[in-house]
Amino acid sequence: MRTLKMTAGYNFSSRRRFATLAGLAVASWGVIAVTIDALVQMAR
C-alpha cells in the first residue's frame, strides 16, 4: 500500500511530494524536540 502510494506520488510530481514529506518530517521532529525539552524541564 505504501509503495503504491509513493509510486503514484512520484509519477504525479516527485518534487512536490518530496517537499511535502520533508515538511512533515521537519514538523514532526520539531514537535518531538519540544516534547522532550518540556519533559526535561519538568524533570528538573
C-alpha atoms as a PDB file:
ATOM      1  CA  MET A   1       0.000   0.000   0.000  1.00  0.00           C
ATOM      2  CA  ARG A   2       2.748   2.420   0.989  1.00  0.00           C
ATOM      3  CA  THR A   3       4.858   1.521  -2.049  1.00  0.00           C
ATOM      4  CA  LEU A   4       1.875   2.038  -4.361  1.00  0.00           C
ATOM      5  CA  LYS A   5       1.185   5.451  -2.848  1.00  0.00           C
ATOM      6  CA  MET A   6       4.836   6.501  -3.172  1.00  0.00           C
ATOM      7  CA  THR A   7       4.996   5.370  -6.808  1.00  0.00           C
ATOM      8  CA  ALA A   8       1.811   7.279  -7.621  1.00  0.00           C
ATOM      9  CA  GLY A   9       3.204  10.338  -5.853  1.00  0.00           C
ATOM     10  CA  TYR A  10       6.447  10.228  -7.841  1.00  0.00           C
ATOM     11  CA  ASN A  11       4.561   9.823 -11.113  1.00  0.00           C
ATOM     12  CA  PHE A  12       2.322  12.768 -10.220  1.00  0.00           C
ATOM     13  CA  SER A  13       5.006  15.190  -9.023  1.00  0.00           C
ATOM     14  CA  SER A  14       8.104  13.854  -7.293  1.00  0.00           C
ATOM     15  CA  ARG A  15       9.380  17.288  -6.276  1.00  0.00           C
ATOM     16  CA  ARG A  16       6.086  18.359  -4.671  1.00  0.00           C
ATOM     17  CA  ARG A  17       5.722  15.002  -2.922  1.00  0.00           C
ATOM     18  CA  PHE A  18       9.297  15.192  -1.602  1.00  0.00           C
ATOM     19  CA  ALA A  19       8.757  18.752  -0.346  1.00  0.00           C
ATOM     20  CA  THR A  20       5.566  17.680   1.459  1.00  0.00           C
ATOM     21  CA  LEU A  21       7.273  14.676   3.066  1.00  0.00           C
ATOM     22  CA  ALA A  22      10.272  16.796   4.059  1.00  0.00           C
ATOM     23  CA  GLY A  23       7.985  19.417   5.596  1.00  0.00           C
ATOM     24  CA  LEU A  24       6.092  16.777   7.570  1.00  0.00           C
ATOM     25  CA  ALA A  25       9.355  15.228   8.770  1.00  0.00           C
ATOM     26  CA  VAL A  26      10.698  18.596   9.947  1.00  0.00           C
ATOM     27  CA  ALA A  27       7.394  19.426  11.662  1.00  0.00           C
ATOM     28  CA  SER A  28       7.250  16.072  13.468  1.00  0.00           C
ATOM     29  CA  TRP A  29      10.905  16.398  14.552  1.00  0.00           C
ATOM     30  CA  GLY A  30      10.110  19.871  15.907  1.00  0.00           C
ATOM     31  CA  VAL A  31       7.165  18.505  17.905  1.00  0.00           C
ATOM     32  CA  ILE A  32       9.321  15.663  19.272  1.00  0.00           C
ATOM     33  CA  ALA A  33      12.112  18.074  20.228  1.00  0.00           C
ATOM     34  CA  VAL A  34       9.688  20.416  22.028  1.00  0.00           C
ATOM     35  CA  THR A  35       8.066  17.481  23.854  1.00  0.00           C
ATOM     36  CA  ILE A  36      11.438  16.119  25.006  1.00  0.00           C
ATOM     37  CA  ASP A  37      12.532  19.604  26.072  1.00  0.00           C
ATOM     38  CA  ALA A  38       9.322  20.074  28.096  1.00  0.00           C
ATOM     39  CA  LEU A  39       9.791  16.674  29.780  1.00  0.00           C
ATOM     40  CA  VAL A  40      13.399  17.525  30.661  1.00  0.00           C
ATOM     41  CA  GLN A  41      12.313  20.870  32.115  1.00  0.00           C
ATOM     42  CA  MET A  42       9.611  19.126  34.193  1.00  0.00           C
ATOM     43  CA  ALA A  43      12.107  16.524  35.407  1.00  0.00           C
ATOM     44  CA  ARG A  44      14.288  19.316  36.779  1.00  0.00           C
END
